[in-house]
Amino acid sequence: MRDALFIALYAFAGAAATGLAGACALRLTRRRSLTASLAVVAAVGVVAMLAGTLAVAWAMFLSPHDLSVVTTVVAMAAVVSLATALLLGRWVVARSRELADAARAFGDGGAFAAPGAPATAELEDLGRELAATSARLAESRERERTLEASRRELVAWISHDLRTPLAGLRAMAEALEDGVATDPGRYLRQIRAEVERLDGMVGDLFELSRIHAGTLPLNLSRVSLYDLVGDALAGAGPLAREHGVRLVGERVAPVPVEVDGREMSRVLGNLLVNAIRRTPADGTVAVAAERTADGVVVSVSDGCGGIPDEDLPRVFDTGWRGTDARTPPAGAGLGLAIVRGIVEAHRGRAAVHNIPGGCRFEVTLPAAP
């Protein structure tokens, strides 16, 4: 029993010394290829066995013949272990390089395609993560292209919408200045109307810039959705009568919500104005509000005839105004973008769906406790 204990101690001492040397070797080769690290690990295992054997032999626990036999066996094991480690290292390095080349492709703007050759479980997981990252980058690039296209479209529309009233204002101002205006009062009223229109456009642009910058201030308070919808219907009444459109708000539940009353009134007003302008005379614009499992849903349904399916995802984009047939001259393509921005600032979401004869805009807000 005592001899066995001493053998274990001497063997452990020799193996520990080898392990310490192997740790130092691994630290020195940590920036080298994985093949070198695997070779060091394999060598540590074999040399640790040999060192323990020599320590035991030095303590006179092994005969010269037994030491020769053990040394020969360890030497053969060392050759096989090192060869296996080198083969494994070269295989792993090759798979890693293939994965790096594939990753470089999507880093340059392409799509990631995982190597077809089999790899270790860790490399397989890395490949899946890179594929998911590539998909997210592709979506991000597509959103960036869409946003850039929307910005260019917005600049074009705004430039056009500003040029027309400014040209009219200059012509009327010159007529008043030269004294050739036959009805100065009418000119002044028209100038005031154009200035108010331009002021509203600038206000929309300022509101949209605050939304995009994430600096839109919200003064949340607990209000009844019934009151918000009622005020919005009253405000849109004159425009509806002017266009010969009926406003209906019969299915509005008195649901409490915590919102910024001013901003949410703007959301409902934009939706109602948009619906009234796109609904033909004798048509109906219906407003409904109810509590659902997702929160509180406010919907505005119109009789515009529907939106093409390919345009539905772009309805809330900045600067989008649809086809010429559906776009009123006064529109700047900002109203629905402002709607989405304000709703998302309230941790809600805005959506649009086609219905028979028209479309329905839905605003979902968190319900107040």
Protein backbone atom coordinates (compact mmCIF):
# COMPACT_ATOMS: atom_id res chain seq x y z
CA MET A 1 0.00 0.00 0.00
CA ARG A 2 2.85 2.34 0.90
CA ASP A 3 4.66 1.61 -2.42
CA ALA A 4 1.50 2.34 -4.39
CA LEU A 5 1.18 5.72 -2.64
CA PHE A 6 4.77 6.64 -3.45
CA ILE A 7 4.34 5.54 -7.08
CA ALA A 8 1.27 7.78 -7.38
CA LEU A 9 3.10 10.73 -5.84
CA TYR A 10 6.17 10.39 -8.11
CA ALA A 11 4.00 9.91 -11.18
CA PHE A 12 1.92 12.98 -10.27
CA ALA A 13 5.02 15.09 -9.73
CA GLY A 14 6.45 14.20 -13.14
CA ALA A 15 3.10 14.74 -14.89
CA ALA A 16 2.50 18.05 -13.08
CA ALA A 17 5.87 19.40 -14.17
CA THR A 18 5.05 18.45 -17.75
CA GLY A 19 1.61 20.03 -17.50
CA LEU A 20 3.12 23.29 -16.24
CA ALA A 21 5.57 23.32 -19.12
CA GLY A 22 2.70 22.58 -21.54
CA ALA A 23 0.68 25.50 -20.15
CA CYS A 24 3.64 27.79 -20.79
CA ALA A 25 3.95 26.41 -24.31
CA LEU A 26 0.23 27.00 -24.95
CA ARG A 27 0.58 30.59 -23.77
CA LEU A 28 3.51 31.15 -26.12
CA THR A 29 1.59 29.66 -29.08
CA ARG A 30 -1.79 31.26 -28.32
CA ARG A 31 -1.48 33.55 -31.35
CA ARG A 32 -0.37 30.74 -33.65
CA SER A 33 -2.49 28.31 -35.63
CA LEU A 34 -4.87 25.93 -33.91
CA THR A 35 -2.73 23.10 -35.27
CA ALA A 36 0.16 24.16 -33.02
CA SER A 37 -2.09 24.23 -29.96
CA LEU A 38 -3.46 20.75 -30.69
CA ALA A 39 0.07 19.45 -31.18
CA VAL A 40 1.09 20.92 -27.79
CA VAL A 41 -1.94 19.33 -26.10
CA ALA A 42 -1.17 15.93 -27.61
CA ALA A 43 2.51 16.24 -26.68
CA VAL A 44 1.65 17.20 -23.10
CA GLY A 45 -0.43 14.05 -22.68
CA VAL A 46 2.28 11.76 -23.98
CA VAL A 47 5.23 13.53 -22.29
CA ALA A 48 3.31 13.65 -18.98
CA MET A 49 2.98 9.87 -19.11
CA LEU A 50 6.68 9.52 -19.95
CA ALA A 51 7.74 11.95 -17.21
CA GLY A 52 5.70 10.08 -14.63
CA THR A 53 7.21 6.80 -15.76
CA LEU A 54 10.76 8.17 -15.54
CA ALA A 55 10.09 9.59 -12.08
CA VAL A 56 8.85 6.24 -10.89
CA ALA A 57 11.86 4.49 -12.48
CA TRP A 58 14.24 6.98 -10.86
CA ALA A 59 12.72 6.05 -7.49
CA MET A 60 13.71 2.44 -8.27
CA PHE A 61 10.15 1.18 -8.59
CA LEU A 62 10.73 -0.13 -12.14
CA SER A 63 13.37 -2.48 -13.50
CA PRO A 64 15.45 -1.43 -16.54
CA HIS A 65 13.56 -3.93 -18.70
CA ASP A 66 10.17 -2.59 -17.63
CA LEU A 67 11.34 0.98 -18.19
CA SER A 68 12.49 0.11 -21.72
CA VAL A 69 9.12 -1.48 -22.52
CA VAL A 70 7.14 1.44 -21.15
CA THR A 71 9.33 3.99 -22.93
CA THR A 72 8.86 2.19 -26.25
CA VAL A 73 5.08 2.09 -25.81
CA VAL A 74 4.97 5.78 -24.89
CA ALA A 75 7.14 6.69 -27.91
CA MET A 76 4.78 4.89 -30.29
CA ALA A 77 1.80 6.58 -28.62
CA ALA A 78 3.53 9.92 -29.03
CA VAL A 79 3.97 9.40 -32.78
CA VAL A 80 0.33 8.43 -33.28
CA SER A 81 -0.97 11.24 -31.02
CA LEU A 82 1.07 13.93 -32.75
CA ALA A 83 0.07 12.72 -36.20
CA THR A 84 -3.62 12.67 -35.19
CA ALA A 85 -3.36 16.14 -33.64
CA LEU A 86 -1.73 17.54 -36.78
CA LEU A 87 -4.41 16.01 -39.04
CA LEU A 88 -7.20 17.28 -36.80
CA GLY A 89 -5.64 20.73 -36.60
CA ARG A 90 -5.25 21.03 -40.37
CA TRP A 91 -8.88 19.94 -40.86
CA VAL A 92 -10.24 22.45 -38.33
CA VAL A 93 -8.07 25.23 -39.75
CA ALA A 94 -9.29 24.48 -43.27
CA ARG A 95 -12.93 24.65 -42.13
CA SER A 96 -12.22 27.89 -40.27
CA ARG A 97 -10.67 29.47 -43.37
CA GLU A 98 -13.68 28.46 -45.47
CA LEU A 99 -15.96 30.04 -42.89
CA ALA A 100 -13.82 33.20 -42.85
CA ASP A 101 -14.00 33.46 -46.65
CA ALA A 102 -17.78 33.08 -46.55
CA ALA A 103 -18.03 35.71 -43.79
CA ARG A 104 -15.87 38.09 -45.82
CA ALA A 105 -18.38 37.85 -48.68
CA PHE A 106 -21.32 39.22 -46.71
CA GLY A 107 -19.06 41.77 -45.04
CA ASP A 108 -18.43 43.20 -48.51
CA GLY A 109 -22.15 43.56 -49.14
CA GLY A 110 -23.00 40.08 -50.39
CA ALA A 111 -24.98 37.27 -48.81
CA PHE A 112 -23.47 34.70 -46.47
CA ALA A 113 -23.40 31.11 -47.69
CA ALA A 114 -22.21 28.52 -45.18
CA PRO A 115 -19.49 26.13 -46.45
CA GLY A 116 -20.83 22.81 -47.63
CA ALA A 117 -18.07 20.72 -46.03
CA PRO A 118 -18.83 19.25 -42.57
CA ALA A 119 -17.39 21.09 -39.58
CA THR A 120 -17.31 20.83 -35.81
CA ALA A 121 -20.39 21.65 -33.73
CA GLU A 122 -18.88 24.99 -32.68
CA LEU A 123 -18.16 25.97 -36.29
CA GLU A 124 -21.66 24.89 -37.28
CA ASP A 125 -23.13 27.15 -34.57
CA LEU A 126 -20.89 29.99 -35.72
CA GLY A 127 -22.04 29.47 -39.30
CA ARG A 128 -25.70 29.65 -38.25
CA GLU A 129 -25.06 32.85 -36.30
CA LEU A 130 -23.26 34.36 -39.29
CA ALA A 131 -26.16 33.40 -41.56
CA ALA A 132 -28.63 35.07 -39.19
CA THR A 133 -26.40 38.16 -39.01
CA SER A 134 -26.17 38.24 -42.80
CA ALA A 135 -29.98 38.16 -43.06
CA ARG A 136 -30.30 41.00 -40.56
CA LEU A 137 -27.69 43.04 -42.44
CA ALA A 138 -29.54 42.45 -45.71
CA GLU A 139 -32.78 43.65 -44.10
CA SER A 140 -30.97 46.69 -42.71
CA ARG A 141 -29.49 47.54 -46.10
CA GLU A 142 -32.92 47.18 -47.70
CA ARG A 143 -34.47 49.47 -45.07
CA GLU A 144 -31.68 51.96 -45.66
CA ARG A 145 -32.28 51.92 -49.41
CA THR A 146 -36.02 52.32 -48.87
CA LEU A 147 -35.47 55.19 -46.44
CA GLU A 148 -33.09 56.91 -48.83
CA ALA A 149 -35.60 56.54 -51.67
CA SER A 150 -38.32 57.97 -49.41
CA ARG A 151 -36.12 60.93 -48.53
CA ARG A 152 -35.37 61.67 -52.17
CA GLU A 153 -39.07 61.38 -52.98
CA LEU A 154 -39.94 63.66 -50.06
CA VAL A 155 -37.45 66.32 -51.18
CA ALA A 156 -38.89 66.19 -54.70
CA TRP A 157 -42.50 66.52 -53.48
CA ILE A 158 -41.70 69.26 -50.98
CA SER A 159 -39.74 71.21 -53.58
CA HIS A 160 -42.70 71.00 -55.95
CA ASP A 161 -45.25 71.89 -53.26
CA LEU A 162 -43.21 74.89 -52.12
CA ARG A 163 -42.46 76.22 -55.59
CA THR A 164 -46.11 76.52 -56.65
CA PRO A 165 -47.45 78.60 -53.71
CA LEU A 166 -44.30 80.71 -53.57
CA ALA A 167 -44.68 81.58 -57.25
CA GLY A 168 -48.30 82.56 -56.64
CA LEU A 169 -47.39 84.63 -53.60
CA ARG A 170 -44.72 86.48 -55.55
CA ALA A 171 -47.12 87.18 -58.42
CA MET A 172 -49.83 88.50 -56.08
CA ALA A 173 -47.33 90.58 -54.10
CA GLU A 174 -46.01 92.15 -57.33
CA ALA A 175 -49.57 92.87 -58.45
CA LEU A 176 -50.34 94.61 -55.16
CA GLU A 177 -47.04 96.48 -55.25
CA ASP A 178 -47.64 97.71 -58.82
CA GLY A 179 -51.24 98.65 -58.05
CA VAL A 180 -52.72 96.46 -60.79
CA ALA A 181 -54.73 94.20 -58.46
CA THR A 182 -58.42 94.68 -59.25
CA ASP A 183 -59.51 93.27 -55.87
CA PRO A 184 -56.78 93.79 -53.24
CA GLY A 185 -58.92 92.23 -50.51
CA ARG A 186 -59.25 88.96 -52.40
CA TYR A 187 -55.51 88.95 -53.06
CA LEU A 188 -54.79 89.47 -49.39
CA ARG A 189 -57.14 86.65 -48.37
CA GLN A 190 -55.51 84.32 -50.88
CA ILE A 191 -52.05 85.31 -49.66
CA ARG A 192 -53.11 84.54 -46.10
CA ALA A 193 -54.49 81.14 -47.14
CA GLU A 194 -51.25 80.24 -48.93
CA VAL A 195 -49.16 81.39 -45.97
CA GLU A 196 -51.25 79.24 -43.62
CA ARG A 197 -50.78 76.29 -45.93
CA LEU A 198 -47.01 76.81 -45.99
CA ASP A 199 -46.99 77.21 -42.22
CA GLY A 200 -48.79 73.89 -41.84
CA MET A 201 -46.28 72.21 -44.14
CA VAL A 202 -43.34 73.59 -42.18
CA GLY A 203 -45.01 72.48 -38.95
CA ASP A 204 -45.39 68.95 -40.32
CA LEU A 205 -41.73 68.88 -41.31
CA PHE A 206 -40.69 70.06 -37.85
CA GLU A 207 -42.90 67.46 -36.18
CA LEU A 208 -41.49 64.73 -38.41
CA SER A 209 -37.91 65.79 -37.66
CA ARG A 210 -38.59 65.53 -33.90
CA ILE A 211 -40.12 62.10 -34.39
CA HIS A 212 -37.14 60.83 -36.38
CA ALA A 213 -34.74 62.31 -33.83
CA GLY A 214 -36.60 60.64 -30.95
CA THR A 215 -37.14 64.00 -29.21
CA LEU A 216 -40.93 64.20 -29.46
CA PRO A 217 -42.11 65.33 -25.99
CA LEU A 218 -45.15 63.51 -24.64
CA ASN A 219 -47.29 64.77 -21.77
CA LEU A 220 -49.19 61.61 -20.88
CA SER A 221 -52.53 61.85 -19.08
CA ARG A 222 -55.46 59.53 -18.54
CA VAL A 223 -58.27 60.41 -20.97
CA SER A 224 -61.29 58.68 -22.41
CA LEU A 225 -61.02 57.49 -25.98
CA TYR A 226 -64.67 58.45 -26.43
CA ASP A 227 -63.82 62.11 -25.81
CA LEU A 228 -60.79 62.03 -28.12
CA VAL A 229 -62.78 60.54 -30.98
CA GLY A 230 -65.68 62.93 -30.38
CA ASP A 231 -63.41 65.98 -30.56
CA ALA A 232 -61.74 64.64 -33.72
CA LEU A 233 -65.12 64.06 -35.40
CA ALA A 234 -66.26 67.55 -34.48
CA GLY A 235 -63.07 69.05 -35.90
CA ALA A 236 -63.37 67.10 -39.17
CA GLY A 237 -67.10 67.85 -39.57
CA PRO A 238 -66.75 71.00 -41.74
CA LEU A 239 -64.35 69.27 -44.16
CA ALA A 240 -66.68 66.26 -44.41
CA ARG A 241 -69.67 68.50 -45.21
CA GLU A 242 -67.62 70.33 -47.81
CA HIS A 243 -66.81 67.02 -49.56
CA GLY A 244 -70.29 65.57 -49.04
CA VAL A 245 -68.98 62.71 -46.88
CA ARG A 246 -70.84 61.23 -43.89
CA LEU A 247 -68.94 60.78 -40.63
CA VAL A 248 -70.02 57.84 -38.47
CA GLY A 249 -68.72 57.18 -34.95
CA GLU A 250 -71.27 54.87 -33.42
CA ARG A 251 -68.98 52.05 -32.20
CA VAL A 252 -66.70 54.02 -29.92
CA ALA A 253 -66.28 52.51 -26.48
CA PRO A 254 -65.41 54.80 -23.52
CA VAL A 255 -62.07 53.10 -22.98
CA PRO A 256 -59.45 54.93 -20.85
CA VAL A 257 -56.00 55.42 -22.35
CA GLU A 258 -52.84 57.15 -21.16
CA VAL A 259 -51.74 59.34 -24.08
CA ASP A 260 -50.70 62.84 -24.99
CA GLY A 261 -54.09 64.32 -25.82
CA ARG A 262 -52.72 66.92 -28.23
CA GLU A 263 -50.60 64.48 -30.21
CA MET A 264 -53.28 61.80 -30.30
CA SER A 265 -55.81 64.37 -31.52
CA ARG A 266 -53.39 65.08 -34.34
CA VAL A 267 -53.24 61.36 -35.17
CA LEU A 268 -57.03 61.07 -35.37
CA GLY A 269 -57.30 64.33 -37.29
CA ASN A 270 -54.74 63.22 -39.88
CA LEU A 271 -56.51 59.90 -40.35
CA LEU A 272 -59.92 61.55 -40.72
CA VAL A 273 -58.69 64.21 -43.17
CA ASN A 274 -56.92 61.52 -45.19
CA ALA A 275 -60.10 59.39 -45.26
CA ILE A 276 -62.43 62.28 -46.13
CA ARG A 277 -60.28 63.51 -49.03
CA ARG A 278 -60.11 60.04 -50.56
CA THR A 279 -63.77 59.14 -50.13
CA PRO A 280 -66.09 60.18 -52.97
CA ALA A 281 -69.16 62.33 -52.34
CA ASP A 282 -72.05 60.53 -50.61
CA GLY A 283 -69.49 58.11 -49.16
CA THR A 284 -69.03 57.23 -45.49
CA VAL A 285 -66.08 57.47 -43.14
CA ALA A 286 -66.58 55.31 -40.04
CA VAL A 287 -64.64 55.51 -36.79
CA ALA A 288 -64.61 52.70 -34.23
CA ALA A 289 -62.75 52.10 -30.97
CA GLU A 290 -62.72 49.02 -28.79
CA ARG A 291 -60.63 47.14 -26.29
CA THR A 292 -58.95 43.95 -27.53
CA ALA A 293 -56.46 41.44 -26.17
CA ASP A 294 -53.60 43.53 -27.65
CA GLY A 295 -54.80 46.83 -26.15
CA VAL A 296 -57.09 49.52 -27.53
CA VAL A 297 -57.74 49.62 -31.28
CA VAL A 298 -59.00 52.75 -33.04
CA SER A 299 -59.97 52.27 -36.68
CA VAL A 300 -60.91 54.71 -39.45
CA SER A 301 -62.60 53.15 -42.49
CA ASP A 302 -63.08 55.04 -45.75
CA GLY A 303 -64.47 54.47 -49.25
CA CYS A 304 -61.34 55.17 -51.29
CA GLY A 305 -61.71 52.00 -53.33
CA GLY A 306 -58.71 50.28 -51.80
CA ILE A 307 -54.94 50.53 -52.02
CA PRO A 308 -52.88 48.33 -54.39
CA ASP A 309 -51.34 45.44 -52.49
CA GLU A 310 -47.82 46.41 -53.56
CA ASP A 311 -48.33 49.88 -52.04
CA LEU A 312 -49.68 48.77 -48.65
CA PRO A 313 -46.22 48.41 -47.02
CA ARG A 314 -45.31 51.98 -48.11
CA VAL A 315 -48.42 53.81 -46.95
CA PHE A 316 -46.76 55.11 -43.76
CA ASP A 317 -43.42 55.94 -45.41
CA THR A 318 -42.28 59.55 -45.39
CA GLY A 319 -43.11 61.27 -48.67
CA TRP A 320 -45.32 58.49 -50.06
CA ARG A 321 -48.47 59.86 -51.71
CA GLY A 322 -49.68 57.02 -53.88
CA THR A 323 -50.84 57.41 -57.45
CA ASP A 324 -51.82 60.75 -58.94
CA ALA A 325 -55.47 59.71 -58.97
CA ARG A 326 -55.46 59.21 -55.21
CA THR A 327 -53.27 62.18 -54.29
CA PRO A 328 -54.89 65.54 -53.60
CA PRO A 329 -52.89 68.59 -54.65
CA ALA A 330 -52.45 69.76 -51.05
CA GLY A 331 -50.92 66.54 -49.79
CA ALA A 332 -47.23 66.46 -48.92
CA GLY A 333 -46.96 62.79 -47.96
CA LEU A 334 -46.27 63.61 -44.30
CA GLY A 335 -49.58 63.03 -42.54
CA LEU A 336 -49.47 59.24 -42.29
CA ALA A 337 -45.74 59.24 -41.49
CA ILE A 338 -46.50 61.57 -38.57
CA VAL A 339 -49.33 59.24 -37.51
CA ARG A 340 -46.99 56.25 -37.33
CA GLY A 341 -44.29 58.24 -35.52
CA ILE A 342 -46.64 59.53 -32.84
CA VAL A 343 -48.28 56.13 -32.34
CA GLU A 344 -44.92 54.36 -32.01
CA ALA A 345 -43.81 57.03 -29.53
CA HIS A 346 -46.81 55.90 -27.43
CA ARG A 347 -45.52 52.28 -27.67
CA GLY A 348 -48.29 51.43 -30.14
CA ARG A 349 -48.44 50.51 -33.81
CA ALA A 350 -50.26 51.68 -36.93
CA ALA A 351 -51.51 49.46 -39.75
CA VAL A 352 -53.70 49.59 -42.85
CA HIS A 353 -55.86 46.91 -44.47
CA ASN A 354 -58.05 46.80 -47.54
CA ILE A 355 -61.76 46.26 -46.99
CA PRO A 356 -64.61 45.98 -49.51
CA GLY A 357 -64.89 49.37 -51.19
CA GLY A 358 -62.05 51.06 -49.32
CA CYS A 359 -59.43 50.60 -46.63
CA ARG A 360 -59.23 50.68 -42.85
CA PHE A 361 -56.48 52.36 -40.86
CA GLU A 362 -55.95 50.89 -37.40
CA VAL A 363 -54.08 52.39 -34.44
CA THR A 364 -53.33 50.04 -31.55
CA LEU A 365 -52.44 51.63 -28.20
CA PRO A 366 -51.67 50.12 -24.78
CA ALA A 367 -54.76 50.10 -22.60
CA ALA A 368 -54.67 52.11 -19.38
CA PRO A 369 -55.04 50.05 -16.17
